[in-house]
Protein backbone atom coordinates (compact mmCIF):
# COMPACT_ATOMS: atom_id res chain seq x y z
CA MET A 1 73.63 -14.27 -64.95
CA ARG A 2 76.72 -15.90 -63.49
CA SER A 3 76.20 -19.41 -62.09
CA GLY A 4 78.14 -22.26 -60.60
CA VAL A 5 78.60 -25.63 -62.26
CA ILE A 6 75.38 -27.63 -62.30
CA ALA A 7 75.62 -30.93 -60.45
CA VAL A 8 73.32 -33.91 -60.01
CA ALA A 9 72.73 -34.89 -56.40
CA ALA A 10 70.88 -37.94 -55.11
CA VAL A 11 68.76 -38.74 -52.08
CA GLY A 12 68.03 -42.44 -52.26
CA LEU A 13 67.15 -42.74 -55.91
CA LEU A 14 65.64 -39.26 -56.17
CA LEU A 15 67.66 -37.22 -58.63
CA PHE A 16 67.51 -33.48 -58.73
CA VAL A 17 69.65 -30.77 -60.24
CA VAL A 18 71.23 -28.14 -58.02
CA PRO A 19 73.89 -25.50 -58.46
CA LEU A 20 77.10 -26.43 -56.66
CA LEU A 21 77.52 -24.63 -53.37
CA GLY A 22 79.23 -21.36 -54.21
CA GLY A 23 77.35 -20.86 -57.48
CA GLU A 24 76.44 -17.21 -57.87
CA HIS A 25 73.32 -15.85 -59.52
CA GLY A 26 72.31 -12.33 -60.40
CA GLN A 27 68.89 -13.54 -61.53
CA ILE A 28 66.79 -16.42 -60.24
CA SER A 29 63.77 -17.68 -62.17
CA GLN A 30 61.03 -20.20 -61.55
CA TYR A 31 57.67 -20.79 -63.26
CA GLY A 32 57.87 -17.55 -65.21
CA ILE A 33 58.72 -15.39 -62.20
CA THR A 34 62.21 -13.82 -62.09
CA TRP A 35 63.93 -12.12 -59.18
CA THR A 36 66.80 -9.79 -60.15
CA LEU A 37 69.39 -9.11 -57.45
CA ASP A 38 71.49 -5.95 -57.21
CA LYS A 39 74.59 -8.15 -57.36
CA PRO A 40 75.25 -11.91 -57.74
CA ALA A 41 74.70 -14.03 -54.64
CA VAL A 42 75.21 -17.68 -53.73
CA ALA A 43 72.00 -19.55 -54.54
CA GLY A 44 70.73 -23.08 -55.02
CA ARG A 45 67.70 -25.31 -54.76
CA PHE A 46 66.01 -27.17 -51.94
CA VAL A 47 65.18 -30.83 -52.45
CA ASN A 48 61.71 -29.93 -53.75
CA GLY A 49 63.19 -27.65 -56.42
CA ASP A 50 62.44 -24.24 -54.86
CA TRP A 51 65.23 -21.68 -54.58
CA TRP A 52 67.29 -20.46 -51.66
CA VAL A 53 69.73 -17.56 -51.64
CA VAL A 54 72.40 -16.72 -49.07
CA GLY A 55 71.70 -13.31 -47.60
CA PRO A 56 71.16 -10.69 -46.76
CA VAL A 57 70.54 -9.79 -50.39
CA THR A 58 68.81 -6.96 -52.17
CA VAL A 59 66.14 -7.91 -54.67
CA LYS A 60 66.29 -5.08 -57.18
CA SER A 61 63.23 -6.01 -59.21
CA ILE A 62 60.86 -8.81 -60.06
CA SER A 63 59.16 -9.92 -63.25
CA PRO A 64 56.30 -9.80 -63.91
CA ALA A 65 56.53 -6.37 -62.33
CA PRO A 66 54.18 -5.52 -59.48
CA ALA A 67 51.34 -3.19 -60.36
CA PRO A 68 48.62 -1.78 -58.11
CA GLY A 69 46.73 -4.84 -56.88
CA ARG A 70 48.53 -7.25 -59.22
CA ASN A 71 51.58 -9.58 -59.20
CA GLY A 72 52.04 -9.14 -55.45
CA SER A 73 54.89 -10.46 -53.31
CA VAL A 74 54.77 -10.86 -49.53
CA VAL A 75 57.59 -11.54 -47.07
CA ASN A 76 56.82 -14.19 -44.42
CA PRO A 77 53.04 -13.95 -44.91
CA LYS A 78 50.85 -14.55 -41.89
CA ALA A 79 47.92 -16.93 -42.00
CA GLY A 80 44.54 -15.30 -41.61
CA ASP A 81 42.20 -13.09 -43.60
CA ALA A 82 44.42 -10.43 -45.16
CA GLN A 83 46.57 -10.99 -48.25
CA GLY A 84 48.81 -8.77 -50.35
CA TYR A 85 48.88 -10.57 -53.71
CA ASP A 86 45.93 -9.38 -55.79
CA ASP A 87 43.07 -6.97 -55.06
CA ARG A 88 40.55 -9.26 -56.78
CA ILE A 89 40.90 -11.66 -53.85
CA PRO A 90 38.90 -10.60 -50.76
CA ASP A 91 40.69 -8.84 -47.89
CA TYR A 92 43.47 -7.33 -50.01
CA ASP A 93 45.87 -5.18 -47.99
CA ALA A 94 48.34 -3.20 -50.09
CA LYS A 95 50.51 -2.63 -47.02
CA LEU A 96 51.42 -6.33 -47.04
CA ALA A 97 52.79 -6.23 -50.57
CA ALA A 98 56.58 -6.01 -50.85
CA THR A 99 58.13 -3.11 -52.71
CA PHE A 100 61.42 -3.13 -54.58
CA LEU A 101 64.30 -2.50 -53.88
CA LEU A 102 63.77 -5.11 -51.16
CA GLU A 103 66.35 -6.24 -48.62
CA LEU A 104 65.79 -9.93 -47.95
CA LYS A 105 67.32 -11.25 -44.73
CA PRO A 106 68.09 -14.78 -43.54
CA GLY A 107 64.95 -16.32 -42.10
CA GLN A 108 62.68 -14.60 -44.61
CA SER A 109 60.61 -16.21 -47.37
CA LEU A 110 59.60 -14.05 -50.32
CA VAL A 111 56.35 -15.41 -51.75
CA SER A 112 55.87 -13.99 -55.25
CA THR A 113 52.85 -14.36 -57.49
CA ALA A 114 51.95 -13.70 -61.10
CA SER A 115 48.41 -12.50 -61.80
CA VAL A 116 46.23 -13.26 -64.80
CA GLU A 117 44.75 -10.40 -66.76
CA LYS A 118 41.20 -11.70 -66.59
CA VAL A 119 39.71 -14.03 -63.99
CA GLY A 120 38.17 -17.16 -65.47
CA VAL A 121 40.58 -17.60 -68.37
CA LYS A 122 42.55 -20.86 -68.49
CA THR A 123 46.33 -20.91 -68.78
CA PRO A 124 48.36 -23.50 -70.73
CA ASN A 125 49.87 -24.99 -67.54
CA MET A 126 46.74 -24.97 -65.42
CA VAL A 127 46.31 -28.06 -63.22
CA PRO A 128 43.25 -30.32 -63.64
CA HIS A 129 40.12 -29.57 -61.60
CA GLN A 130 40.90 -25.86 -61.39
CA TYR A 131 37.69 -23.88 -61.76
CA CYS A 132 39.47 -20.55 -62.44
CA ARG A 133 37.83 -18.75 -59.52
CA GLY A 134 41.00 -16.87 -58.56
CA PRO A 135 43.26 -14.30 -60.25
CA LEU A 136 46.69 -15.86 -59.62
CA ARG A 137 48.44 -17.76 -62.40
CA THR A 138 51.20 -19.13 -60.18
CA ALA A 139 53.22 -18.54 -57.02
CA THR A 140 56.76 -19.43 -56.04
CA ILE A 141 59.13 -18.77 -53.14
CA LEU A 142 62.63 -17.42 -52.69
CA THR A 143 63.97 -18.31 -49.24
CA CYS A 144 66.84 -16.34 -47.75
CA VAL A 145 69.26 -18.42 -45.66
CA GLU A 146 72.32 -17.58 -43.59
CA LYS A 147 74.44 -20.27 -45.23
CA PRO A 148 73.92 -22.87 -47.95
CA PRO A 149 71.75 -25.76 -46.70
CA GLN A 150 72.56 -29.37 -47.47
CA PRO A 151 71.42 -30.51 -50.94
CA ASP A 152 68.76 -32.76 -49.40
CA ALA A 153 67.16 -29.97 -47.34
CA PHE A 154 63.44 -29.32 -47.54
CA ARG A 155 62.32 -25.74 -48.00
CA PRO A 156 61.15 -24.33 -44.65
CA PRO A 157 57.52 -23.20 -44.30
CA TYR A 158 56.75 -20.06 -46.27
CA VAL A 159 54.30 -18.72 -43.67
CA GLY A 160 55.43 -16.96 -40.50
CA GLU A 161 58.77 -16.40 -38.81
CA LYS A 162 59.71 -19.98 -37.88
CA LYS A 163 61.95 -21.56 -40.53
CA PRO A 164 62.96 -25.09 -39.49
CA ILE A 165 64.89 -27.01 -42.14
CA PHE A 166 64.42 -30.76 -42.38
CA SER A 167 66.53 -33.32 -44.23
CA ALA A 168 65.23 -35.78 -46.83
CA LYS A 169 67.96 -38.24 -45.80
CA LYS A 170 66.24 -38.56 -42.43
CA LEU A 171 62.84 -39.52 -43.82
CA ARG A 172 61.52 -42.62 -42.08
CA ARG A 173 61.04 -44.59 -45.28
CA ASP A 174 61.28 -47.74 -43.15
CA LEU A 175 57.83 -46.95 -41.73
CA LEU A 176 56.09 -47.21 -45.09
CA PRO A 177 54.27 -50.57 -44.96
CA LYS A 178 54.99 -51.49 -48.62
CA LEU A 179 51.58 -53.08 -49.20
CA LYS A 180 50.77 -55.07 -52.29
CA ALA A 181 48.60 -52.94 -54.58
CA PRO A 182 45.23 -54.67 -55.12
CA CYS A 183 44.91 -53.15 -58.60
CA THR A 184 47.01 -51.07 -60.95
CA PRO A 185 47.73 -47.89 -58.98
CA ALA A 186 46.93 -44.48 -60.36
CA SER A 187 49.61 -42.87 -62.51
CA LEU A 188 52.15 -40.98 -60.45
CA ALA A 189 52.79 -38.18 -62.95
CA PRO A 190 49.59 -36.13 -62.39
CA TYR A 191 50.13 -36.18 -58.63
CA GLU A 192 53.81 -35.29 -58.96
CA ARG A 193 52.78 -32.33 -61.08
CA VAL A 194 50.05 -31.03 -58.78
CA LEU A 195 52.46 -31.22 -55.81
CA GLN A 196 55.38 -29.65 -57.68
CA ARG A 197 54.55 -26.03 -56.88
CA VAL A 198 53.65 -24.47 -53.56
CA TRP A 199 50.05 -24.73 -52.37
CA LEU A 200 49.22 -21.15 -51.45
CA ASP A 201 46.67 -21.89 -48.75
CA HIS A 202 47.01 -19.48 -45.86
CA LYS A 203 43.76 -17.51 -46.18
CA ARG A 204 40.91 -18.15 -43.75
CA GLN A 205 37.53 -19.56 -44.78
CA TRP A 206 36.01 -20.22 -48.19
CA SER A 207 37.53 -17.22 -49.97
CA GLY A 208 40.89 -18.95 -49.54
CA ARG A 209 40.05 -20.87 -52.72
CA GLN A 210 40.58 -17.63 -54.65
CA LEU A 211 44.15 -17.58 -53.35
CA HIS A 212 44.91 -20.96 -54.95
CA PRO A 213 47.01 -20.33 -58.09
CA LEU A 214 45.70 -21.87 -61.31
CA GLU A 215 48.97 -23.62 -62.16
CA ASN A 216 49.77 -24.80 -58.62
CA MET A 217 46.70 -26.52 -57.19
CA PRO A 218 42.96 -27.03 -57.62
CA ASP A 219 40.94 -24.28 -56.02
CA TYR A 220 38.28 -26.38 -54.26
CA GLY A 221 38.75 -28.42 -51.10
CA ARG A 222 37.02 -31.50 -52.47
CA GLU A 223 39.65 -31.78 -55.20
CA LEU A 224 42.49 -31.16 -52.74
CA THR A 225 41.16 -33.95 -50.52
CA ASN A 226 40.98 -36.32 -53.48
CA ILE A 227 44.68 -35.64 -54.02
CA THR A 228 45.69 -36.20 -50.40
CA SER A 229 43.61 -39.40 -50.25
CA GLN A 230 45.07 -40.86 -53.43
CA VAL A 231 48.66 -39.87 -52.64
CA GLY A 232 48.26 -40.94 -49.03
CA LEU A 233 47.60 -44.50 -50.18
CA LEU A 234 49.94 -44.53 -53.19
CA LEU A 235 52.88 -43.93 -50.88
CA LEU A 236 51.98 -46.97 -48.77
CA VAL A 237 52.15 -49.59 -51.52
CA GLU A 238 55.31 -51.48 -52.45
CA ASP A 239 57.81 -49.57 -54.55
CA PRO A 240 60.81 -51.80 -55.31
CA ASP A 241 62.20 -49.42 -57.95
CA ARG A 242 61.82 -46.30 -55.77
CA LYS A 243 59.57 -44.64 -58.31
CA HIS A 244 57.62 -42.94 -55.52
CA GLU A 245 60.53 -40.86 -54.27
CA THR A 246 59.61 -37.61 -56.00
CA LEU A 247 56.01 -37.94 -54.85
CA LEU A 248 57.15 -38.70 -51.30
CA VAL A 249 59.37 -35.62 -51.12
CA ARG A 250 56.71 -33.33 -52.54
CA PHE A 251 54.00 -34.67 -50.24
CA VAL A 252 56.22 -34.19 -47.19
CA GLN A 253 56.98 -30.65 -48.36
CA LEU A 254 53.23 -30.00 -48.51
CA GLY A 255 52.89 -31.25 -44.94
CA ILE A 256 55.71 -28.98 -43.77
CA ASP A 257 54.01 -25.98 -45.38
CA LEU A 258 50.57 -26.76 -44.01
CA TYR A 259 51.99 -27.26 -40.53
CA GLY A 260 53.72 -23.90 -40.78
CA ILE A 261 50.35 -22.36 -41.61
CA THR A 262 48.74 -23.87 -38.50
CA GLN A 263 51.53 -22.39 -36.37
CA SER A 264 50.58 -18.95 -37.64
CA ALA A 265 46.80 -19.37 -37.26
CA ASP A 266 45.00 -22.51 -36.14
CA ASP A 267 41.47 -21.72 -37.33
CA LEU A 268 41.68 -21.43 -41.12
CA TRP A 269 39.79 -24.54 -42.26
CA PRO A 270 36.46 -24.84 -40.39
CA ALA A 271 33.34 -26.79 -41.28
CA ASN A 272 31.97 -25.17 -44.42
CA GLY A 273 30.62 -27.25 -47.27
CA GLY A 274 33.38 -28.89 -49.30
CA HIS A 275 36.04 -26.21 -48.93
CA HIS A 276 38.36 -27.22 -46.12
CA SER A 277 39.14 -30.92 -46.02
CA GLY A 278 42.44 -32.49 -47.00
CA ARG A 279 44.93 -30.44 -44.97
CA LYS A 280 45.38 -32.64 -41.91
CA TRP A 281 46.71 -35.88 -43.37
CA PRO A 282 49.73 -34.35 -45.19
CA ILE A 283 50.80 -32.74 -41.89
CA ILE A 284 50.51 -35.96 -39.88
CA PHE A 285 52.24 -37.96 -42.60
CA ALA A 286 55.13 -35.47 -42.67
CA GLY A 287 55.36 -35.77 -38.90
CA LEU A 288 55.70 -39.53 -39.21
CA MET A 289 58.32 -39.32 -41.91
CA LEU A 290 60.35 -36.67 -40.08
CA ASP A 291 59.89 -37.95 -36.50
CA HIS A 292 58.28 -34.63 -35.60
CA GLU A 293 55.75 -34.98 -32.80
CA GLY A 294 54.25 -31.52 -33.34
CA MET A 295 53.22 -32.42 -36.87
CA ARG A 296 52.15 -35.94 -35.98
CA LYS A 297 49.85 -34.64 -33.25
CA VAL A 298 48.89 -31.38 -34.93
CA ARG A 299 45.97 -29.54 -33.36
CA ALA A 300 44.10 -26.94 -35.39
CA THR A 301 40.71 -26.53 -37.04
CA PHE A 302 40.19 -29.15 -39.75
CA ALA A 303 36.92 -29.60 -41.63
CA GLU A 304 36.89 -33.42 -41.42
CA ASP A 305 36.81 -33.16 -37.64
CA LYS A 306 34.41 -30.22 -37.41
CA GLN A 307 31.92 -31.88 -39.74
CA THR A 308 31.69 -35.22 -37.89
CA TYR A 309 30.20 -35.80 -34.42
CA TYR A 310 28.45 -38.38 -32.27
CA GLY A 311 24.70 -37.89 -32.04
CA LYS A 312 21.26 -39.46 -32.51
CA GLY A 313 20.44 -39.74 -36.16
CA PHE A 314 16.82 -39.79 -37.34
CA LYS A 315 17.47 -43.18 -38.94
CA GLY A 316 19.39 -44.54 -35.97
CA GLN A 317 22.87 -43.40 -37.01
CA LYS A 318 25.27 -42.82 -34.15
CA VAL A 319 27.97 -40.79 -35.88
CA LEU A 320 26.77 -37.92 -38.03
CA PHE A 321 27.75 -35.24 -40.53
CA HIS A 322 26.85 -31.59 -40.21
CA LEU A 323 27.48 -28.76 -42.61
CA HIS A 324 28.74 -26.29 -40.03
CA ASP A 325 29.11 -25.73 -36.30
CA GLY A 326 26.32 -23.19 -36.04
CA PRO A 327 22.75 -23.68 -34.83
CA ASN A 328 20.36 -25.82 -36.86
CA GLY A 329 23.23 -27.57 -38.61
CA GLU A 330 22.40 -31.11 -37.51
CA HIS A 331 20.21 -32.11 -40.44
CA GLU A 332 20.76 -35.86 -39.95
CA GLU A 333 18.97 -35.66 -36.60
CA VAL A 334 15.65 -34.62 -38.16
CA ASP A 335 13.17 -36.15 -40.58
CA PRO A 336 14.46 -35.82 -44.18
CA ALA A 337 10.95 -34.70 -45.13
CA THR A 338 11.68 -31.45 -43.26
CA TRP A 339 15.07 -30.74 -44.86
CA GLU A 340 13.70 -28.15 -47.28
CA THR A 341 12.77 -25.89 -44.36
CA TYR A 342 15.35 -27.04 -41.78
CA GLY A 343 18.41 -24.89 -41.24
CA GLN A 344 19.49 -21.34 -41.84
CA GLY A 345 18.51 -19.75 -45.13
CA ALA A 346 20.15 -21.40 -48.12
CA ASN A 347 22.03 -23.80 -45.83
CA ASN A 348 18.99 -26.00 -45.29
CA GLY A 349 19.00 -29.72 -44.62
CA LYS A 350 18.80 -30.59 -48.31
CA LYS A 351 21.91 -28.56 -49.07
CA ALA A 352 23.70 -30.04 -46.05
CA GLU A 353 22.93 -33.52 -47.33
CA GLY A 354 24.35 -32.54 -50.71
CA TYR A 355 27.63 -31.57 -49.06
CA ARG A 356 27.62 -34.78 -47.02
CA ARG A 357 27.53 -36.73 -50.25
CA LEU A 358 30.14 -34.49 -51.86
CA ASN A 359 32.68 -35.00 -49.06
CA GLY A 360 32.11 -38.68 -48.34
CA PRO A 361 34.08 -40.25 -51.21
CA THR A 362 37.07 -37.97 -50.65
CA TRP A 363 37.55 -38.87 -46.98
CA ILE A 364 38.05 -42.62 -47.42
CA GLY A 365 41.65 -42.72 -48.62
CA GLN A 366 43.14 -40.48 -45.98
CA ALA A 367 41.21 -42.20 -43.17
CA LEU A 368 42.52 -45.58 -44.32
CA ALA A 369 46.06 -44.22 -44.73
CA ALA A 370 46.00 -42.90 -41.15
CA ARG A 371 44.91 -46.31 -39.83
CA LEU A 372 47.55 -48.12 -41.89
CA MET A 373 50.25 -45.84 -40.48
CA GLY A 374 49.10 -46.30 -36.89
CA VAL A 375 48.14 -42.71 -36.15
CA LYS A 376 44.38 -42.89 -35.62
CA ALA A 377 44.93 -41.98 -31.96
CA ASP A 378 47.30 -39.15 -32.89
CA TRP A 379 44.68 -37.77 -35.27
CA GLY A 380 42.59 -37.23 -32.17
CA HIS A 381 39.03 -37.36 -33.51
CA ASP A 382 37.50 -40.84 -33.53
CA GLU A 383 34.24 -39.46 -34.89
CA TYR A 384 35.87 -38.91 -38.27
CA PHE A 385 37.04 -42.51 -38.58
CA ASP A 386 33.74 -43.94 -37.37
CA TYR A 387 31.88 -41.73 -39.80
CA VAL A 388 34.00 -42.97 -42.72
CA ASP A 389 33.24 -46.55 -41.67
CA ARG A 390 29.56 -45.64 -41.67
CA TRP A 391 29.84 -44.04 -45.10
CA TRP A 392 31.44 -47.14 -46.52
CA LYS A 393 28.80 -49.47 -45.07
CA GLU A 394 25.90 -47.36 -46.33
CA GLU A 395 27.17 -46.04 -49.65
CA VAL A 396 29.79 -48.46 -51.00
CA GLU A 397 29.59 -51.93 -49.51
CA GLY A 398 27.87 -54.43 -51.79
CA LYS A 399 27.29 -51.95 -54.62
CA ASP A 400 28.02 -52.61 -58.29
CA GLU A 401 31.47 -51.56 -59.53
CA LYS A 402 30.37 -48.26 -61.04
CA SER A 403 28.50 -47.14 -57.92
CA ALA A 404 31.15 -48.46 -55.56
CA THR A 405 33.97 -46.76 -57.44
CA GLY A 406 32.21 -43.40 -57.44
CA ALA A 407 31.20 -43.45 -53.78
CA GLY A 408 34.43 -45.16 -52.74
CA GLY A 409 36.90 -42.50 -53.82
CA GLY A 410 37.91 -44.06 -57.14
CA LEU A 411 39.03 -47.54 -58.16
CA PHE A 412 42.38 -47.54 -56.36
CA VAL A 413 41.02 -46.19 -53.07
CA TRP A 414 38.02 -48.53 -53.25
CA LYS A 415 40.20 -51.59 -53.79
CA MET A 416 42.66 -50.55 -51.09
CA TRP A 417 39.81 -50.24 -48.60
CA GLU A 418 38.30 -53.58 -49.59
CA THR A 419 41.69 -55.26 -49.25
CA TYR A 420 43.12 -53.62 -46.12
CA ARG A 421 40.41 -52.08 -43.94
CA LYS A 422 39.92 -55.19 -41.82
CA THR A 423 43.63 -55.47 -41.04
CA ALA A 424 44.45 -51.75 -41.17
CA ASP A 425 44.76 -51.26 -37.42
CA GLU A 426 46.93 -54.34 -37.09
CA ILE A 427 49.22 -53.07 -39.86
CA GLY A 428 49.26 -49.67 -38.21
CA ALA A 429 50.25 -51.22 -34.86
CA SER A 430 53.29 -52.80 -36.51
CA VAL A 431 54.27 -49.40 -37.92
CA THR A 432 53.94 -47.84 -34.47
CA LYS A 433 56.10 -50.60 -32.97
CA LYS A 434 58.78 -50.03 -35.58
CA ARG A 435 58.69 -46.29 -34.93
CA ALA A 436 59.22 -46.87 -31.22
CA GLN A 437 62.18 -49.18 -31.75
CA ARG A 438 64.36 -46.57 -33.42
């Protein structure tokens, strides 16, 4: 491999290593996946660490080598049901899988995966809260560009044909409210790690969890929502030494990717148990940071919205949770004594209540973060915010520390809510005013 001199570039105080523009590579490797080109090409890294290459180029081979139904690569995947990575994931379509030699053109993202031999076996670099339901060890992306992007460029979305490139220098860091942390914040390192690699999340419905690579992200929506809630609030507390910069960049990159997915298909994450929460806040946050109205006002199917509605609860509640959008899903409207027989099959009222209690603690942090950033109206579903207020009043307020921490999303989220919920909308209004002044 022939490469250019390695240089250290800086965005604010974020340091990252990139090849100098003009560096040539015959092989490009990341996370144990290697693309071999037919001849050296100019290549470098986006601000999040993923690779770009100036094209068109020919990818001669890839390691680990594709095999029937294993180690699949897909160019500009579309969001939806079908996938071309591994035939142990539902809706496998071999026609989607790239074959090599492969000509990669500017405007194309090559999403490459490495499969595990046996589903259910842990890998050394597996992220926490991964239940090993899927067959992919990891995934990474090679993006073909017409010319070298600026060193502070975010990687464009990996899904679909639209490849906008945003700049980290233009992040609206001035909008972050820099709140005083009410307790010692959670360690940044685990969140930096779980946001380091791409979240492969473009498959519709619950089987999308099997697409989630073991070393990239947890496979279950509850765990993903815990991450977005914690990070959503971590980024809003004061950071005089700019230690949050890596986390900020990686969280914005996640929002860019998730928004790209919604532009390919807008119905991937419906109401269904605990699978589909946690995707909306990263998109809106990225829209705030990048002054992108489409992201800030994103409209698609998100579980938090589909699972909350205004109604007449059996116990007098006015904003309710339901498991799904289908008939007989409104278990909170009926007598809890009937839950065993209420609903469709296994999805009876008792099971629906179990999922209500599973989701509740994970929703608090991102709801508070949205209020603190002044985008409750942009979110566009007041039922969600009113439901979270109800959850807090019923399940957290006045409880002992152990109970309150568990139901309140963890110690940091719980303390942030206790400290800032009453003034959250006022703080958010000041953020909105500052946004409008620029």
